[in-house]
């Protein structure tokens, strides 16, 4: 089963954010709570954690791109 990883909304006025860097590559195994990517907004820079354990199946938004809140940025394959 694939789980969508979306760009989270971290502030009331947040409309979009930039993925600064991916900490994992496609095919990497990740644990729940492990950092997947670095997110930067106008007000904050933070790491976004994996919601579950599994394999990073797909990265849909490469580092350096800015996307809207709730955009699917990656997919995680879980058992």
PDB file of N, CA and C in Angstrom:
ATOM      1  N   UNK A   1       0.844  -1.175   0.000  1.00  0.00           N
ATOM      2  CA  UNK A   1       0.000   0.000   0.000  1.00  0.00           C
ATOM      3  C   UNK A   1       0.893   1.244   0.000  1.00  0.00           C
ATOM      4  N   UNK A   2       0.478   2.253  -0.743  1.00  0.00           N
ATOM      5  CA  UNK A   2       1.218   3.509  -0.804  1.00  0.00           C
ATOM      6  C   UNK A   2       0.507   4.573   0.031  1.00  0.00           C
ATOM      7  N   UNK A   3       1.295   5.320   0.791  1.00  0.00           N
ATOM      8  CA  UNK A   3       0.800   6.443   1.576  1.00  0.00           C
ATOM      9  C   UNK A   3       1.341   7.723   0.953  1.00  0.00           C
ATOM     10  N   UNK A   4       0.463   8.697   0.711  1.00  0.00           N
ATOM     11  CA  UNK A   4       0.894   9.994   0.193  1.00  0.00           C
ATOM     12  C   UNK A   4       1.527  10.811   1.309  1.00  0.00           C
ATOM     13  N   UNK A   5       2.666  11.409   1.009  1.00  0.00           N
ATOM     14  CA  UNK A   5       3.322  12.359   1.912  1.00  0.00           C
ATOM     15  C   UNK A   5       3.024  13.746   1.340  1.00  0.00           C
ATOM     16  N   UNK A   6       2.348  14.589   2.122  1.00  0.00           N
ATOM     17  CA  UNK A   6       1.959  15.909   1.637  1.00  0.00           C
ATOM     18  C   UNK A   6       2.767  17.006   2.321  1.00  0.00           C
ATOM     19  N   UNK A   7       2.843  18.142   1.656  1.00  0.00           N
ATOM     20  CA  UNK A   7       3.489  19.305   2.256  1.00  0.00           C
ATOM     21  C   UNK A   7       2.582  19.807   3.370  1.00  0.00           C
ATOM     22  N   UNK A   8       3.059  19.764   4.617  1.00  0.00           N
ATOM     23  CA  UNK A   8       2.195  20.143   5.736  1.00  0.00           C
ATOM     24  C   UNK A   8       2.031  21.653   5.873  1.00  0.00           C
ATOM     25  N   UNK A   9       0.924  22.038   6.462  1.00  0.00           N
ATOM     26  CA  UNK A   9       0.685  23.445   6.790  1.00  0.00           C
ATOM     27  C   UNK A   9       1.176  23.656   8.214  1.00  0.00           C
ATOM     28  N   UNK A  10       2.186  24.509   8.382  1.00  0.00           N
ATOM     29  CA  UNK A  10       2.789  24.704   9.701  1.00  0.00           C
ATOM     30  C   UNK A  10       2.484  26.069  10.308  1.00  0.00           C
ATOM     31  N   UNK A  11       1.648  26.843   9.634  1.00  0.00           N
ATOM     32  CA  UNK A  11       1.238  28.142  10.161  1.00  0.00           C
ATOM     33  C   UNK A  11      -0.097  28.532   9.554  1.00  0.00           C
ATOM     34  N   UNK A  12      -0.854  29.334  10.276  1.00  0.00           N
ATOM     35  CA  UNK A  12      -2.195  29.713   9.820  1.00  0.00           C
ATOM     36  C   UNK A  12      -2.183  30.386   8.441  1.00  0.00           C
ATOM     37  N   UNK A  13      -1.190  31.217   8.180  1.00  0.00           N
ATOM     38  CA  UNK A  13      -1.150  31.963   6.926  1.00  0.00           C
ATOM     39  C   UNK A  13      -0.333  31.261   5.838  1.00  0.00           C
ATOM     40  N   UNK A  14       0.216  30.107   6.144  1.00  0.00           N
ATOM     41  CA  UNK A  14       1.076  29.415   5.183  1.00  0.00           C
ATOM     42  C   UNK A  14       0.274  28.962   3.958  1.00  0.00           C
ATOM     43  N   UNK A  15       0.745  29.343   2.792  1.00  0.00           N
ATOM     44  CA  UNK A  15       0.116  28.961   1.524  1.00  0.00           C
ATOM     45  C   UNK A  15       0.961  27.942   0.762  1.00  0.00           C
ATOM     46  N   UNK A  16       2.299  28.063   0.889  1.00  0.00           N
ATOM     47  CA  UNK A  16       3.211  27.186   0.163  1.00  0.00           C
ATOM     48  C   UNK A  16       4.525  27.044   0.928  1.00  0.00           C
ATOM     49  N   UNK A  17       5.382  26.175   0.428  1.00  0.00           N
ATOM     50  CA  UNK A  17       6.683  25.961   1.051  1.00  0.00           C
ATOM     51  C   UNK A  17       7.648  25.386   0.032  1.00  0.00           C
ATOM     52  N   UNK A  18       8.927  25.496   0.356  1.00  0.00           N
ATOM     53  CA  UNK A  18       9.984  25.014  -0.526  1.00  0.00           C
ATOM     54  C   UNK A  18      10.671  23.810   0.108  1.00  0.00           C
ATOM     55  N   UNK A  19      10.821  22.753  -0.669  1.00  0.00           N
ATOM     56  CA  UNK A  19      11.597  21.604  -0.207  1.00  0.00           C
ATOM     57  C   UNK A  19      13.054  21.947  -0.455  1.00  0.00           C
ATOM     58  N   UNK A  20      13.786  22.138   0.626  1.00  0.00           N
ATOM     59  CA  UNK A  20      15.186  22.544   0.531  1.00  0.00           C
ATOM     60  C   UNK A  20      16.077  21.344   0.206  1.00  0.00           C
ATOM     61  N   UNK A  21      15.821  20.216   0.868  1.00  0.00           N
ATOM     62  CA  UNK A  21      16.642  19.021   0.655  1.00  0.00           C
ATOM     63  C   UNK A  21      15.875  17.777   1.073  1.00  0.00           C
ATOM     64  N   UNK A  22      16.126  16.687   0.383  1.00  0.00           N
ATOM     65  CA  UNK A  22      15.604  15.382   0.771  1.00  0.00           C
ATOM     66  C   UNK A  22      16.669  14.687   1.606  1.00  0.00           C
ATOM     67  N   UNK A  23      16.262  14.102   2.737  1.00  0.00           N
ATOM     68  CA  UNK A  23      17.194  13.366   3.594  1.00  0.00           C
ATOM     69  C   UNK A  23      17.217  11.882   3.249  1.00  0.00           C
ATOM     70  N   UNK A  24      16.257  11.453   2.437  1.00  0.00           N
ATOM     71  CA  UNK A  24      16.156  10.062   1.996  1.00  0.00           C
ATOM     72  C   UNK A  24      16.037  10.029   0.483  1.00  0.00           C
ATOM     73  N   UNK A  25      16.431   8.893  -0.110  1.00  0.00           N
ATOM     74  CA  UNK A  25      16.326   8.689  -1.555  1.00  0.00           C
ATOM     75  C   UNK A  25      15.307   7.590  -1.828  1.00  0.00           C
ATOM     76  N   UNK A  26      14.818   7.546  -3.048  1.00  0.00           N
ATOM     77  CA  UNK A  26      13.889   6.484  -3.439  1.00  0.00           C
ATOM     78  C   UNK A  26      14.545   5.129  -3.175  1.00  0.00           C
ATOM     79  N   UNK A  27      13.788   4.247  -2.548  1.00  0.00           N
ATOM     80  CA  UNK A  27      14.301   2.919  -2.206  1.00  0.00           C
ATOM     81  C   UNK A  27      14.817   2.805  -0.790  1.00  0.00           C
ATOM     82  N   UNK A  28      15.050   3.943  -0.126  1.00  0.00           N
ATOM     83  CA  UNK A  28      15.532   3.920   1.257  1.00  0.00           C
ATOM     84  C   UNK A  28      14.420   3.477   2.197  1.00  0.00           C
ATOM     85  N   UNK A  29      14.787   2.719   3.209  1.00  0.00           N
ATOM     86  CA  UNK A  29      13.855   2.350   4.269  1.00  0.00           C
ATOM     87  C   UNK A  29      13.828   3.478   5.282  1.00  0.00           C
ATOM     88  N   UNK A  30      12.638   3.802   5.772  1.00  0.00           N
ATOM     89  CA  UNK A  30      12.493   4.869   6.754  1.00  0.00           C
ATOM     90  C   UNK A  30      11.664   4.380   7.937  1.00  0.00           C
ATOM     91  N   UNK A  31      11.968   4.905   9.084  1.00  0.00           N
ATOM     92  CA  UNK A  31      11.225   4.614  10.305  1.00  0.00           C
ATOM     93  C   UNK A  31      10.215   5.724  10.557  1.00  0.00           C
ATOM     94  N   UNK A  32       9.154   5.399  11.268  1.00  0.00           N
ATOM     95  CA  UNK A  32       8.178   6.408  11.656  1.00  0.00           C
ATOM     96  C   UNK A  32       8.895   7.479  12.486  1.00  0.00           C
ATOM     97  N   UNK A  33       8.686   8.748  12.149  1.00  0.00           N
ATOM     98  CA  UNK A  33       9.305   9.853  12.867  1.00  0.00           C
ATOM     99  C   UNK A  33      10.675  10.258  12.349  1.00  0.00           C
ATOM    100  N   UNK A  34      11.200   9.525  11.390  1.00  0.00           N
ATOM    101  CA  UNK A  34      12.504   9.846  10.815  1.00  0.00           C
ATOM    102  C   UNK A  34      12.351  10.984   9.804  1.00  0.00           C
ATOM    103  N   UNK A  35      13.333  11.891   9.758  1.00  0.00           N
ATOM    104  CA  UNK A  35      13.267  13.044   8.860  1.00  0.00           C
ATOM    105  C   UNK A  35      13.308  12.610   7.403  1.00  0.00           C
ATOM    106  N   UNK A  36      12.326  13.084   6.628  1.00  0.00           N
ATOM    107  CA  UNK A  36      12.281  12.795   5.196  1.00  0.00           C
ATOM    108  C   UNK A  36      12.865  13.941   4.373  1.00  0.00           C
ATOM    109  N   UNK A  37      12.442  15.172   4.706  1.00  0.00           N
ATOM    110  CA  UNK A  37      12.928  16.321   3.943  1.00  0.00           C
ATOM    111  C   UNK A  37      12.930  17.582   4.792  1.00  0.00           C
ATOM    112  N   UNK A  38      13.649  18.571   4.303  1.00  0.00           N
ATOM    113  CA  UNK A  38      13.741  19.883   4.944  1.00  0.00           C
ATOM    114  C   UNK A  38      12.784  20.830   4.220  1.00  0.00           C
ATOM    115  N   UNK A  39      11.923  21.491   4.986  1.00  0.00           N
ATOM    116  CA  UNK A  39      10.912  22.407   4.461  1.00  0.00           C
ATOM    117  C   UNK A  39      11.241  23.825   4.912  1.00  0.00           C
ATOM    118  N   UNK A  40      11.106  24.764   3.985  1.00  0.00           N
ATOM    119  CA  UNK A  40      11.342  26.171   4.320  1.00  0.00           C
ATOM    120  C   UNK A  40      10.138  26.995   3.866  1.00  0.00           C
ATOM    121  N   UNK A  41       9.685  27.872   4.772  1.00  0.00           N
ATOM    122  CA  UNK A  41       8.608  28.806   4.455  1.00  0.00           C
ATOM    123  C   UNK A  41       9.141  30.214   4.699  1.00  0.00           C
ATOM    124  N   UNK A  42       8.269  31.197   4.579  1.00  0.00           N
ATOM    125  CA  UNK A  42       8.681  32.581   4.846  1.00  0.00           C
ATOM    126  C   UNK A  42       9.142  32.755   6.290  1.00  0.00           C
ATOM    127  N   UNK A  43       8.569  31.971   7.206  1.00  0.00           N
ATOM    128  CA  UNK A  43       8.831  32.182   8.627  1.00  0.00           C
ATOM    129  C   UNK A  43       9.628  31.087   9.314  1.00  0.00           C
ATOM    130  N   UNK A  44       9.700  29.893   8.734  1.00  0.00           N
ATOM    131  CA  UNK A  44      10.304  28.781   9.455  1.00  0.00           C
ATOM    132  C   UNK A  44      11.020  27.821   8.512  1.00  0.00           C
ATOM    133  N   UNK A  45      12.019  27.150   9.068  1.00  0.00           N
ATOM    134  CA  UNK A  45      12.700  26.056   8.386  1.00  0.00           C
ATOM    135  C   UNK A  45      12.610  24.863   9.324  1.00  0.00           C
ATOM    136  N   UNK A  46      12.164  23.714   8.801  1.00  0.00           N
ATOM    137  CA  UNK A  46      11.971  22.555   9.668  1.00  0.00           C
ATOM    138  C   UNK A  46      12.130  21.257   8.904  1.00  0.00           C
ATOM    139  N   UNK A  47      12.331  20.182   9.646  1.00  0.00           N
ATOM    140  CA  UNK A  47      12.362  18.856   9.056  1.00  0.00           C
ATOM    141  C   UNK A  47      10.970  18.252   9.127  1.00  0.00           C
ATOM    142  N   UNK A  48      10.564  17.591   8.050  1.00  0.00           N
ATOM    143  CA  UNK A  48       9.274  16.906   8.015  1.00  0.00           C
ATOM    144  C   UNK A  48       9.550  15.415   8.184  1.00  0.00           C
ATOM    145  N   UNK A  49       8.844  14.802   9.138  1.00  0.00           N
ATOM    146  CA  UNK A  49       9.078  13.418   9.495  1.00  0.00           C
ATOM    147  C   UNK A  49       8.131  12.464   8.783  1.00  0.00           C
ATOM    148  N   UNK A  50       8.570  11.228   8.677  1.00  0.00           N
ATOM    149  CA  UNK A  50       7.757  10.179   8.074  1.00  0.00           C
ATOM    150  C   UNK A  50       6.584   9.836   8.991  1.00  0.00           C
ATOM    151  N   UNK A  51       5.371   9.697   8.422  1.00  0.00           N
ATOM    152  CA  UNK A  51       4.200   9.359   9.231  1.00  0.00           C
ATOM    153  C   UNK A  51       4.119   7.870   9.581  1.00  0.00           C
ATOM    154  N   UNK A  52       4.967   7.056   8.928  1.00  0.00           N
ATOM    155  CA  UNK A  52       4.906   5.610   9.128  1.00  0.00           C
ATOM    156  C   UNK A  52       6.258   5.023   8.735  1.00  0.00           C
ATOM    157  N   UNK A  53       6.442   3.727   8.977  1.00  0.00           N
ATOM    158  CA  UNK A  53       7.668   3.076   8.521  1.00  0.00           C
ATOM    159  C   UNK A  53       7.402   2.398   7.189  1.00  0.00           C
ATOM    160  N   UNK A  54       8.424   2.342   6.355  1.00  0.00           N
ATOM    161  CA  UNK A  54       8.281   1.709   5.050  1.00  0.00           C
ATOM    162  C   UNK A  54       9.443   2.075   4.150  1.00  0.00           C
ATOM    163  N   UNK A  55       9.183   2.005   2.857  1.00  0.00           N
ATOM    164  CA  UNK A  55      10.193   2.316   1.847  1.00  0.00           C
ATOM    165  C   UNK A  55       9.749   3.551   1.081  1.00  0.00           C
ATOM    166  N   UNK A  56      10.667   4.495   0.894  1.00  0.00           N
ATOM    167  CA  UNK A  56      10.348   5.684   0.103  1.00  0.00           C
ATOM    168  C   UNK A  56      10.221   5.237  -1.349  1.00  0.00           C
ATOM    169  N   UNK A  57       8.991   5.198  -1.845  1.00  0.00           N
ATOM    170  CA  UNK A  57       8.706   4.627  -3.156  1.00  0.00           C
ATOM    171  C   UNK A  57       8.870   5.631  -4.291  1.00  0.00           C
ATOM    172  N   UNK A  58       8.593   6.906  -4.006  1.00  0.00           N
ATOM    173  CA  UNK A  58       8.575   7.892  -5.077  1.00  0.00           C
ATOM    174  C   UNK A  58       8.746   9.295  -4.498  1.00  0.00           C
ATOM    175  N   UNK A  59       9.576  10.102  -5.146  1.00  0.00           N
ATOM    176  CA  UNK A  59       9.692  11.526  -4.825  1.00  0.00           C
ATOM    177  C   UNK A  59       9.083  12.279  -5.995  1.00  0.00           C
ATOM    178  N   UNK A  60       8.025  13.027  -5.735  1.00  0.00           N
ATOM    179  CA  UNK A  60       7.305  13.737  -6.786  1.00  0.00           C
ATOM    180  C   UNK A  60       7.735  15.191  -6.944  1.00  0.00           C
ATOM    181  N   UNK A  61       8.302  15.768  -5.877  1.00  0.00           N
ATOM    182  CA  UNK A  61       8.741  17.166  -5.907  1.00  0.00           C
ATOM    183  C   UNK A  61      10.218  17.219  -5.523  1.00  0.00           C
ATOM    184  N   UNK A  62      11.087  17.569  -6.458  1.00  0.00           N
ATOM    185  CA  UNK A  62      12.518  17.603  -6.162  1.00  0.00           C
ATOM    186  C   UNK A  62      12.901  18.781  -5.261  1.00  0.00           C
ATOM    187  N   UNK A  63      14.068  18.682  -4.648  1.00  0.00           N
ATOM    188  CA  UNK A  63      14.594  19.764  -3.818  1.00  0.00           C
ATOM    189  C   UNK A  63      14.711  21.034  -4.662  1.00  0.00           C
ATOM    190  N   UNK A  64      14.380  22.156  -4.033  1.00  0.00           N
ATOM    191  CA  UNK A  64      14.462  23.449  -4.701  1.00  0.00           C
ATOM    192  C   UNK A  64      13.129  23.946  -5.234  1.00  0.00           C
ATOM    193  N   UNK A  65      12.124  23.073  -5.276  1.00  0.00           N
ATOM    194  CA  UNK A  65      10.814  23.481  -5.789  1.00  0.00           C
ATOM    195  C   UNK A  65       9.896  23.956  -4.673  1.00  0.00           C
ATOM    196  N   UNK A  66       9.074  24.941  -4.998  1.00  0.00           N
ATOM    197  CA  UNK A  66       8.067  25.472  -4.085  1.00  0.00           C
ATOM    198  C   UNK A  66       6.706  24.965  -4.543  1.00  0.00           C
ATOM    199  N   UNK A  67       5.943  24.419  -3.587  1.00  0.00           N
ATOM    200  CA  UNK A  67       4.611  23.890  -3.905  1.00  0.00           C
ATOM    201  C   UNK A  67       3.608  24.342  -2.853  1.00  0.00           C
ATOM    202  N   UNK A  68       2.331  24.236  -3.187  1.00  0.00           N
ATOM    203  CA  UNK A  68       1.253  24.607  -2.277  1.00  0.00           C
ATOM    204  C   UNK A  68       1.115  23.602  -1.139  1.00  0.00           C
ATOM    205  N   UNK A  69       0.566  24.063  -0.034  1.00  0.00           N
ATOM    206  CA  UNK A  69       0.234  23.205   1.102  1.00  0.00           C
ATOM    207  C   UNK A  69      -0.665  22.066   0.616  1.00  0.00           C
ATOM    208  N   UNK A  70      -0.501  20.901   1.176  1.00  0.00           N
ATOM    209  CA  UNK A  70      -1.270  19.687   0.865  1.00  0.00           C
ATOM    210  C   UNK A  70      -0.939  19.066  -0.488  1.00  0.00           C
ATOM    211  N   UNK A  71       0.084  19.565  -1.184  1.00  0.00           N
ATOM    212  CA  UNK A  71       0.548  18.923  -2.411  1.00  0.00           C
ATOM    213  C   UNK A  71       1.244  17.618  -2.044  1.00  0.00           C
ATOM    214  N   UNK A  72       0.960  16.553  -2.781  1.00  0.00           N
ATOM    215  CA  UNK A  72       1.650  15.279  -2.555  1.00  0.00           C
ATOM    216  C   UNK A  72       3.086  15.435  -3.068  1.00  0.00           C
ATOM    217  N   UNK A  73       4.058  15.282  -2.162  1.00  0.00           N
ATOM    218  CA  UNK A  73       5.461  15.468  -2.527  1.00  0.00           C
ATOM    219  C   UNK A  73       6.206  14.144  -2.668  1.00  0.00           C
ATOM    220  N   UNK A  74       5.658  13.069  -2.060  1.00  0.00           N
ATOM    221  CA  UNK A  74       6.298  11.755  -2.134  1.00  0.00           C
ATOM    222  C   UNK A  74       5.292  10.683  -1.770  1.00  0.00           C
ATOM    223  N   UNK A  75       5.686   9.429  -1.994  1.00  0.00           N
ATOM    224  CA  UNK A  75       4.844   8.300  -1.609  1.00  0.00           C
ATOM    225  C   UNK A  75       5.705   7.292  -0.853  1.00  0.00           C
ATOM    226  N   UNK A  76       5.116   6.748   0.197  1.00  0.00           N
ATOM    227  CA  UNK A  76       5.787   5.783   1.058  1.00  0.00           C
ATOM    228  C   UNK A  76       5.092   4.434   0.915  1.00  0.00           C
ATOM    229  N   UNK A  77       5.867   3.393   0.625  1.00  0.00           N
ATOM    230  CA  UNK A  77       5.318   2.045   0.515  1.00  0.00           C
ATOM    231  C   UNK A  77       5.370   1.391   1.883  1.00  0.00           C
ATOM    232  N   UNK A  78       4.190   0.993   2.367  1.00  0.00           N
ATOM    233  CA  UNK A  78       4.104   0.357   3.683  1.00  0.00           C
ATOM    234  C   UNK A  78       3.452  -1.021   3.536  1.00  0.00           C
ATOM    235  N   UNK A  79       3.705  -1.875   4.521  1.00  0.00           N
ATOM    236  CA  UNK A  79       3.149  -3.244   4.505  1.00  0.00           C
ATOM    237  C   UNK A  79       1.688  -3.224   4.870  1.00  0.00           C
TER     238      UNK A  79
END
